[in-house]
Amino acid sequence: MAKETLGHDPMKGAAVVFRAKRADRVKIVVWDGTGLVMYWKRLDGSGFKWPPIVAGVMRMNAAQLSALLAGMDWTRMHAPRIQQPKALA
């Protein structure tokens, strides 16, 4: 279903994340090299902070997904600003 509908194949490294309507439950399907693994989690008393849906898909990087699964508001997390090195003369 994920391959046909979303265009992403879990067998090729894409983690497919499904959320419940109440946003308090999440299911993740991922290929571990030997078979499909389904991860399921429910937050008691609150819901996950989900990204916006763009073209029918929510996109997150690994750090954002990790924060989401920890029950954190990943939108408040920002990568540190690193200054570019100056060229030596």
N, C-alpha and C. Protein backbone atom coordinates (compact mmCIF):
# COMPACT_ATOMS: atom_id res chain seq x y z
N MET A 1 0.81 -1.18 0.00
CA MET A 1 0.00 0.00 0.00
C MET A 1 0.87 1.26 0.00
N ALA A 2 1.92 1.27 0.82
CA ALA A 2 2.79 2.45 0.89
C ALA A 2 3.49 2.68 -0.44
N LYS A 3 3.93 1.61 -1.07
CA LYS A 3 4.62 1.74 -2.35
C LYS A 3 3.69 2.25 -3.43
N GLU A 4 2.48 1.70 -3.49
CA GLU A 4 1.53 2.08 -4.53
C GLU A 4 0.92 3.47 -4.29
N THR A 5 0.57 3.78 -3.05
CA THR A 5 -0.11 5.04 -2.75
C THR A 5 0.86 6.21 -2.57
N LEU A 6 1.93 5.98 -1.81
CA LEU A 6 2.85 7.07 -1.47
C LEU A 6 4.08 7.13 -2.37
N GLY A 7 4.36 6.03 -3.06
CA GLY A 7 5.54 6.00 -3.90
C GLY A 7 6.82 5.74 -3.13
N HIS A 8 6.71 5.25 -1.88
CA HIS A 8 7.89 4.94 -1.08
C HIS A 8 7.86 3.46 -0.74
N ASP A 9 8.97 2.79 -0.93
CA ASP A 9 9.05 1.34 -0.72
C ASP A 9 9.73 1.03 0.61
N PRO A 10 9.02 0.49 1.60
CA PRO A 10 9.66 0.12 2.87
C PRO A 10 10.80 -0.88 2.69
N MET A 11 10.78 -1.66 1.63
CA MET A 11 11.83 -2.65 1.38
C MET A 11 13.14 -2.01 0.94
N LYS A 12 13.11 -0.70 0.66
CA LYS A 12 14.31 0.00 0.20
C LYS A 12 14.75 1.08 1.19
N GLY A 13 14.41 0.92 2.46
CA GLY A 13 14.91 1.82 3.49
C GLY A 13 13.97 2.91 3.95
N ALA A 14 12.82 3.06 3.34
CA ALA A 14 11.87 4.10 3.77
C ALA A 14 11.09 3.59 4.97
N ALA A 15 11.05 4.40 6.03
CA ALA A 15 10.19 4.09 7.18
C ALA A 15 8.84 4.73 6.91
N VAL A 16 7.80 3.94 6.96
CA VAL A 16 6.45 4.44 6.69
C VAL A 16 5.75 4.58 8.04
N VAL A 17 5.29 5.81 8.33
CA VAL A 17 4.69 6.12 9.63
C VAL A 17 3.20 6.39 9.43
N PHE A 18 2.38 5.69 10.20
CA PHE A 18 0.94 5.88 10.17
C PHE A 18 0.51 6.46 11.51
N ARG A 19 -0.40 7.44 11.50
CA ARG A 19 -0.89 8.02 12.73
C ARG A 19 -2.38 7.79 12.87
N ALA A 20 -2.85 7.77 14.10
CA ALA A 20 -4.27 7.63 14.38
C ALA A 20 -4.94 9.00 14.24
N LYS A 21 -6.24 9.01 14.05
CA LYS A 21 -6.98 10.27 13.92
C LYS A 21 -6.81 11.16 15.15
N ARG A 22 -6.76 10.56 16.33
CA ARG A 22 -6.61 11.35 17.56
C ARG A 22 -5.18 11.82 17.78
N ALA A 23 -4.25 11.40 16.96
CA ALA A 23 -2.84 11.78 17.02
C ALA A 23 -2.14 11.29 18.29
N ASP A 24 -2.72 10.30 18.98
CA ASP A 24 -2.08 9.78 20.19
C ASP A 24 -1.42 8.42 19.98
N ARG A 25 -1.56 7.88 18.78
CA ARG A 25 -0.97 6.57 18.45
C ARG A 25 -0.20 6.65 17.14
N VAL A 26 0.85 5.86 17.04
CA VAL A 26 1.67 5.84 15.83
C VAL A 26 2.07 4.39 15.54
N LYS A 27 2.11 4.06 14.25
CA LYS A 27 2.62 2.76 13.79
C LYS A 27 3.68 3.06 12.74
N ILE A 28 4.82 2.38 12.86
CA ILE A 28 5.91 2.56 11.91
C ILE A 28 6.25 1.20 11.32
N VAL A 29 6.33 1.15 10.00
CA VAL A 29 6.71 -0.07 9.30
C VAL A 29 8.05 0.19 8.62
N VAL A 30 9.02 -0.67 8.90
CA VAL A 30 10.36 -0.51 8.33
C VAL A 30 10.96 -1.89 8.05
N TRP A 31 11.78 -1.98 7.04
CA TRP A 31 12.48 -3.21 6.67
C TRP A 31 13.80 -3.25 7.42
N ASP A 32 14.09 -4.31 8.17
CA ASP A 32 15.34 -4.41 8.92
C ASP A 32 16.40 -5.26 8.23
N GLY A 33 16.14 -5.66 7.01
CA GLY A 33 17.09 -6.48 6.27
C GLY A 33 16.69 -7.94 6.21
N THR A 34 15.87 -8.37 7.18
CA THR A 34 15.43 -9.76 7.19
C THR A 34 13.91 -9.89 7.15
N GLY A 35 13.22 -8.79 7.40
CA GLY A 35 11.76 -8.81 7.39
C GLY A 35 11.21 -7.45 7.76
N LEU A 36 9.91 -7.31 7.61
CA LEU A 36 9.26 -6.06 7.99
C LEU A 36 9.02 -6.03 9.50
N VAL A 37 9.28 -4.88 10.10
CA VAL A 37 9.09 -4.69 11.53
C VAL A 37 8.03 -3.61 11.71
N MET A 38 7.08 -3.84 12.62
CA MET A 38 6.09 -2.82 12.92
C MET A 38 6.29 -2.37 14.36
N TYR A 39 6.48 -1.07 14.51
CA TYR A 39 6.66 -0.43 15.80
C TYR A 39 5.37 0.30 16.11
N TRP A 40 4.82 0.12 17.32
CA TRP A 40 3.55 0.74 17.69
C TRP A 40 3.74 1.44 19.02
N LYS A 41 3.24 2.68 19.13
CA LYS A 41 3.35 3.42 20.38
C LYS A 41 2.12 4.28 20.58
N ARG A 42 1.71 4.40 21.85
CA ARG A 42 0.59 5.26 22.23
C ARG A 42 1.06 6.15 23.38
N LEU A 43 0.73 7.44 23.30
CA LEU A 43 1.03 8.37 24.39
C LEU A 43 -0.19 8.49 25.29
N ASP A 44 0.02 8.31 26.57
CA ASP A 44 -1.07 8.48 27.54
C ASP A 44 -1.23 9.94 27.90
N GLY A 45 -2.44 10.45 27.83
CA GLY A 45 -2.74 11.79 28.28
C GLY A 45 -2.38 12.91 27.33
N SER A 46 -1.75 12.62 26.23
CA SER A 46 -1.41 13.67 25.26
C SER A 46 -1.30 13.04 23.88
N GLY A 47 -0.94 13.86 22.92
CA GLY A 47 -0.79 13.37 21.55
C GLY A 47 0.56 13.75 21.00
N PHE A 48 0.91 13.15 19.90
CA PHE A 48 2.16 13.47 19.22
C PHE A 48 2.00 14.80 18.48
N LYS A 49 3.09 15.55 18.36
CA LYS A 49 3.11 16.79 17.59
C LYS A 49 3.54 16.43 16.17
N TRP A 50 2.59 16.47 15.23
CA TRP A 50 2.84 16.01 13.87
C TRP A 50 3.20 17.16 12.94
N PRO A 51 4.00 16.89 11.90
CA PRO A 51 4.32 17.92 10.90
C PRO A 51 3.13 18.15 9.99
N PRO A 52 3.16 19.25 9.24
CA PRO A 52 2.06 19.50 8.30
C PRO A 52 2.06 18.50 7.16
N ILE A 53 0.90 18.28 6.59
CA ILE A 53 0.76 17.38 5.44
C ILE A 53 0.96 18.20 4.18
N VAL A 54 1.92 17.78 3.35
CA VAL A 54 2.19 18.45 2.08
C VAL A 54 2.07 17.41 0.98
N ALA A 55 1.16 17.63 0.05
CA ALA A 55 0.91 16.70 -1.05
C ALA A 55 0.59 15.30 -0.53
N GLY A 56 -0.15 15.22 0.58
CA GLY A 56 -0.58 13.95 1.11
C GLY A 56 0.45 13.20 1.93
N VAL A 57 1.63 13.83 2.18
CA VAL A 57 2.72 13.16 2.89
C VAL A 57 3.28 14.08 3.97
N MET A 58 3.61 13.51 5.13
CA MET A 58 4.33 14.23 6.17
C MET A 58 5.78 13.80 6.09
N ARG A 59 6.68 14.74 5.99
CA ARG A 59 8.11 14.41 5.89
C ARG A 59 8.83 14.83 7.16
N MET A 60 9.69 13.94 7.66
CA MET A 60 10.49 14.22 8.85
C MET A 60 11.87 13.61 8.66
N ASN A 61 12.87 14.23 9.27
CA ASN A 61 14.18 13.60 9.27
C ASN A 61 14.29 12.71 10.51
N ALA A 62 15.40 11.99 10.64
CA ALA A 62 15.56 11.02 11.73
C ALA A 62 15.50 11.68 13.10
N ALA A 63 16.10 12.86 13.25
CA ALA A 63 16.10 13.55 14.55
C ALA A 63 14.69 13.98 14.93
N GLN A 64 13.92 14.48 13.97
CA GLN A 64 12.55 14.89 14.24
C GLN A 64 11.69 13.70 14.62
N LEU A 65 11.87 12.57 13.93
CA LEU A 65 11.10 11.37 14.26
C LEU A 65 11.46 10.86 15.64
N SER A 66 12.72 10.91 15.99
CA SER A 66 13.15 10.47 17.32
C SER A 66 12.52 11.33 18.41
N ALA A 67 12.49 12.64 18.21
CA ALA A 67 11.86 13.55 19.17
C ALA A 67 10.36 13.29 19.25
N LEU A 68 9.72 13.09 18.11
CA LEU A 68 8.29 12.81 18.07
C LEU A 68 7.97 11.56 18.88
N LEU A 69 8.75 10.50 18.70
CA LEU A 69 8.50 9.24 19.39
C LEU A 69 8.78 9.34 20.89
N ALA A 70 9.61 10.32 21.28
CA ALA A 70 9.87 10.55 22.70
C ALA A 70 8.77 11.39 23.33
N GLY A 71 7.80 11.84 22.51
CA GLY A 71 6.70 12.65 23.01
C GLY A 71 7.04 14.12 23.10
N MET A 72 8.15 14.52 22.49
CA MET A 72 8.59 15.91 22.54
C MET A 72 7.98 16.71 21.39
N ASP A 73 7.96 18.03 21.55
CA ASP A 73 7.51 18.93 20.49
C ASP A 73 8.72 19.21 19.60
N TRP A 74 8.86 18.45 18.55
CA TRP A 74 10.04 18.54 17.68
C TRP A 74 10.14 19.88 16.97
N THR A 75 9.03 20.65 16.90
CA THR A 75 9.07 21.94 16.22
C THR A 75 9.87 22.97 17.02
N ARG A 76 10.08 22.71 18.30
CA ARG A 76 10.85 23.63 19.14
C ARG A 76 12.33 23.29 19.17
N MET A 77 12.71 22.25 18.49
CA MET A 77 14.11 21.85 18.45
C MET A 77 14.75 22.39 17.17
N HIS A 78 15.90 22.99 17.31
CA HIS A 78 16.59 23.56 16.17
C HIS A 78 18.04 23.12 16.18
N ALA A 79 18.57 22.90 15.01
CA ALA A 79 19.98 22.55 14.89
C ALA A 79 20.82 23.77 15.23
N PRO A 80 21.97 23.56 15.88
CA PRO A 80 22.82 24.70 16.20
C PRO A 80 23.37 25.35 14.93
N ARG A 81 23.52 26.65 15.00
CA ARG A 81 24.09 27.37 13.86
C ARG A 81 25.60 27.25 13.92
N ILE A 82 26.17 26.76 12.86
CA ILE A 82 27.62 26.57 12.79
C ILE A 82 28.16 27.55 11.77
N GLN A 83 29.12 28.37 12.20
CA GLN A 83 29.69 29.35 11.29
C GLN A 83 30.58 28.66 10.27
N GLN A 84 30.52 29.14 9.06
CA GLN A 84 31.37 28.61 7.99
C GLN A 84 32.80 29.06 8.25
N PRO A 85 33.77 28.18 8.03
CA PRO A 85 35.16 28.60 8.22
C PRO A 85 35.56 29.64 7.18
N LYS A 86 36.42 30.55 7.60
CA LYS A 86 36.91 31.57 6.68
C LYS A 86 38.08 31.01 5.90
N ALA A 87 38.16 31.40 4.64
CA ALA A 87 39.26 30.93 3.80
C ALA A 87 40.57 31.52 4.27
N LEU A 88 41.61 30.71 4.24
CA LEU A 88 42.93 31.18 4.60
C LEU A 88 43.56 31.89 3.42
N ALA A 89 44.23 32.99 3.70
CA ALA A 89 44.84 33.77 2.61
C ALA A 89 46.21 33.27 2.28
